[in-house]
Amino acid sequence: MTDPLRMSFDVACSADQAFTVWTTGIGTWWPHDHTVTGRDDLTVVLQCQVGGRIYERTPEGVEHD
């Protein structure tokens, strides 16, 4: 088993603001070749609550967890 990859860096904002930007903007930085469909026209969604999902949605509305 490999250890998890951990990264850290400083940003000029609060932890809450950094988390919001990172999660609501996930589709701007998530690599398209690491998606279920491999399409570049997806919306990637990370729901920020307990039990939330990470999924991609195609322009046609099909969702893939």
N, C-alpha and C. Protein backbone atom coordinates (compact mmCIF):
# COMPACT_ATOMS: atom_id res chain seq x y z
N MET A 1 0.85 -1.18 0.00
CA MET A 1 0.00 0.00 0.00
C MET A 1 0.90 1.24 0.00
N THR A 2 0.53 2.22 -0.79
CA THR A 2 1.28 3.47 -0.82
C THR A 2 0.66 4.49 0.11
N ASP A 3 1.49 5.39 0.60
CA ASP A 3 0.99 6.46 1.46
C ASP A 3 0.24 7.48 0.62
N PRO A 4 -0.75 8.16 1.22
CA PRO A 4 -1.46 9.20 0.47
C PRO A 4 -0.52 10.35 0.11
N LEU A 5 -0.77 10.95 -1.01
CA LEU A 5 -0.03 12.13 -1.45
C LEU A 5 -0.57 13.33 -0.69
N ARG A 6 0.33 14.07 -0.08
CA ARG A 6 -0.08 15.27 0.67
C ARG A 6 0.71 16.45 0.14
N MET A 7 0.01 17.55 -0.07
CA MET A 7 0.63 18.79 -0.53
C MET A 7 0.14 19.91 0.37
N SER A 8 0.96 20.92 0.50
CA SER A 8 0.51 22.11 1.21
C SER A 8 1.16 23.33 0.59
N PHE A 9 0.45 24.44 0.68
CA PHE A 9 0.97 25.71 0.20
C PHE A 9 0.17 26.81 0.87
N ASP A 10 0.75 27.98 0.91
CA ASP A 10 0.11 29.13 1.54
C ASP A 10 -0.66 29.93 0.49
N VAL A 11 -1.82 30.41 0.88
CA VAL A 11 -2.63 31.28 0.02
C VAL A 11 -3.02 32.51 0.83
N ALA A 12 -3.26 33.58 0.15
CA ALA A 12 -3.55 34.86 0.82
C ALA A 12 -5.06 35.04 1.02
N CYS A 13 -5.68 34.08 1.72
CA CYS A 13 -7.09 34.19 2.06
C CYS A 13 -7.36 33.25 3.22
N SER A 14 -8.57 33.31 3.73
CA SER A 14 -8.94 32.43 4.85
C SER A 14 -9.09 30.99 4.37
N ALA A 15 -9.03 30.06 5.31
CA ALA A 15 -9.23 28.65 4.97
C ALA A 15 -10.61 28.43 4.37
N ASP A 16 -11.62 29.10 4.90
CA ASP A 16 -12.98 28.95 4.36
C ASP A 16 -13.06 29.42 2.91
N GLN A 17 -12.44 30.55 2.60
CA GLN A 17 -12.46 31.07 1.23
C GLN A 17 -11.68 30.14 0.30
N ALA A 18 -10.54 29.64 0.74
CA ALA A 18 -9.73 28.73 -0.09
C ALA A 18 -10.52 27.46 -0.39
N PHE A 19 -11.20 26.91 0.61
CA PHE A 19 -11.99 25.70 0.41
C PHE A 19 -13.12 25.94 -0.57
N THR A 20 -13.80 27.07 -0.43
CA THR A 20 -14.91 27.40 -1.33
C THR A 20 -14.42 27.52 -2.77
N VAL A 21 -13.32 28.22 -2.98
CA VAL A 21 -12.78 28.38 -4.33
C VAL A 21 -12.37 27.03 -4.90
N TRP A 22 -11.68 26.22 -4.10
CA TRP A 22 -11.20 24.91 -4.56
C TRP A 22 -12.35 23.99 -4.92
N THR A 23 -13.40 23.97 -4.11
CA THR A 23 -14.50 23.03 -4.35
C THR A 23 -15.48 23.51 -5.41
N THR A 24 -15.83 24.79 -5.39
CA THR A 24 -16.80 25.27 -6.39
C THR A 24 -16.16 25.40 -7.76
N GLY A 25 -14.84 25.53 -7.81
CA GLY A 25 -14.15 25.64 -9.09
C GLY A 25 -13.48 24.36 -9.53
N ILE A 26 -13.89 23.22 -8.98
CA ILE A 26 -13.21 21.95 -9.27
C ILE A 26 -13.18 21.64 -10.78
N GLY A 27 -14.22 22.04 -11.48
CA GLY A 27 -14.26 21.77 -12.92
C GLY A 27 -13.23 22.55 -13.72
N THR A 28 -12.67 23.61 -13.13
CA THR A 28 -11.66 24.40 -13.84
C THR A 28 -10.27 23.79 -13.77
N TRP A 29 -10.04 22.91 -12.80
CA TRP A 29 -8.70 22.34 -12.68
C TRP A 29 -8.67 20.82 -12.72
N TRP A 30 -9.79 20.14 -12.62
CA TRP A 30 -9.80 18.67 -12.64
C TRP A 30 -9.45 18.20 -14.05
N PRO A 31 -8.46 17.31 -14.20
CA PRO A 31 -8.04 16.87 -15.54
C PRO A 31 -9.12 16.07 -16.26
N HIS A 32 -9.39 16.42 -17.50
CA HIS A 32 -10.43 15.74 -18.28
C HIS A 32 -10.09 14.27 -18.52
N ASP A 33 -8.80 13.94 -18.53
CA ASP A 33 -8.44 12.54 -18.76
C ASP A 33 -8.57 11.71 -17.47
N HIS A 34 -9.05 12.33 -16.38
CA HIS A 34 -9.31 11.61 -15.14
C HIS A 34 -10.81 11.63 -14.82
N THR A 35 -11.62 11.62 -15.86
CA THR A 35 -13.07 11.58 -15.68
C THR A 35 -13.60 10.26 -16.22
N VAL A 36 -14.83 9.95 -15.89
CA VAL A 36 -15.45 8.71 -16.35
C VAL A 36 -15.58 8.72 -17.88
N THR A 37 -16.04 9.82 -18.44
CA THR A 37 -16.31 9.87 -19.88
C THR A 37 -15.12 10.35 -20.70
N GLY A 38 -14.20 11.08 -20.08
CA GLY A 38 -13.08 11.63 -20.82
C GLY A 38 -13.44 12.86 -21.65
N ARG A 39 -14.66 13.33 -21.53
CA ARG A 39 -15.10 14.48 -22.31
C ARG A 39 -14.54 15.76 -21.71
N ASP A 40 -14.37 16.77 -22.56
CA ASP A 40 -13.87 18.05 -22.08
C ASP A 40 -14.98 19.09 -21.90
N ASP A 41 -16.23 18.68 -22.08
CA ASP A 41 -17.35 19.61 -21.93
C ASP A 41 -18.21 19.28 -20.71
N LEU A 42 -17.61 18.65 -19.70
CA LEU A 42 -18.32 18.23 -18.50
C LEU A 42 -18.39 19.34 -17.46
N THR A 43 -19.33 19.19 -16.57
CA THR A 43 -19.35 19.96 -15.34
C THR A 43 -18.99 18.98 -14.24
N VAL A 44 -17.94 19.30 -13.47
CA VAL A 44 -17.55 18.45 -12.34
C VAL A 44 -18.09 19.12 -11.08
N VAL A 45 -18.80 18.34 -10.26
CA VAL A 45 -19.46 18.88 -9.07
C VAL A 45 -18.95 18.16 -7.83
N LEU A 46 -18.57 18.94 -6.83
CA LEU A 46 -18.21 18.42 -5.52
C LEU A 46 -19.19 19.02 -4.53
N GLN A 47 -20.09 18.20 -3.99
CA GLN A 47 -21.08 18.68 -3.03
C GLN A 47 -20.44 18.77 -1.65
N CYS A 48 -20.45 19.95 -1.08
CA CYS A 48 -19.73 20.24 0.16
C CYS A 48 -20.60 20.06 1.39
N GLN A 49 -20.99 18.83 1.64
CA GLN A 49 -21.71 18.52 2.86
C GLN A 49 -21.48 17.04 3.18
N VAL A 50 -21.76 16.66 4.41
CA VAL A 50 -21.62 15.26 4.80
C VAL A 50 -22.50 14.42 3.89
N GLY A 51 -21.92 13.39 3.32
CA GLY A 51 -22.67 12.53 2.41
C GLY A 51 -22.75 13.08 0.99
N GLY A 52 -22.09 14.22 0.73
CA GLY A 52 -22.11 14.83 -0.60
C GLY A 52 -21.42 13.95 -1.64
N ARG A 53 -21.69 14.22 -2.87
CA ARG A 53 -21.13 13.44 -3.98
C ARG A 53 -20.09 14.25 -4.73
N ILE A 54 -19.21 13.53 -5.40
CA ILE A 54 -18.36 14.10 -6.44
C ILE A 54 -18.81 13.40 -7.71
N TYR A 55 -19.26 14.19 -8.67
CA TYR A 55 -19.74 13.58 -9.91
C TYR A 55 -19.50 14.52 -11.08
N GLU A 56 -19.61 13.95 -12.26
CA GLU A 56 -19.54 14.77 -13.47
C GLU A 56 -20.89 14.72 -14.16
N ARG A 57 -21.24 15.83 -14.80
CA ARG A 57 -22.51 15.93 -15.52
C ARG A 57 -22.21 16.34 -16.95
N THR A 58 -22.76 15.60 -17.90
CA THR A 58 -22.59 15.93 -19.31
C THR A 58 -23.56 17.04 -19.68
N PRO A 59 -23.33 17.72 -20.80
CA PRO A 59 -24.27 18.75 -21.24
C PRO A 59 -25.69 18.21 -21.44
N GLU A 60 -25.80 16.89 -21.67
CA GLU A 60 -27.11 16.27 -21.84
C GLU A 60 -27.79 15.98 -20.49
N GLY A 61 -27.08 16.21 -19.37
CA GLY A 61 -27.66 16.00 -18.06
C GLY A 61 -27.37 14.66 -17.43
N VAL A 62 -26.59 13.80 -18.10
CA VAL A 62 -26.26 12.49 -17.55
C VAL A 62 -25.19 12.67 -16.48
N GLU A 63 -25.39 12.05 -15.31
CA GLU A 63 -24.44 12.17 -14.20
C GLU A 63 -23.70 10.86 -13.99
N HIS A 64 -22.41 10.99 -13.72
CA HIS A 64 -21.54 9.84 -13.43
C HIS A 64 -20.82 10.10 -12.12
N ASP A 65 -20.99 9.20 -11.14
CA ASP A 65 -20.27 9.33 -9.88
C ASP A 65 -18.81 8.95 -10.09
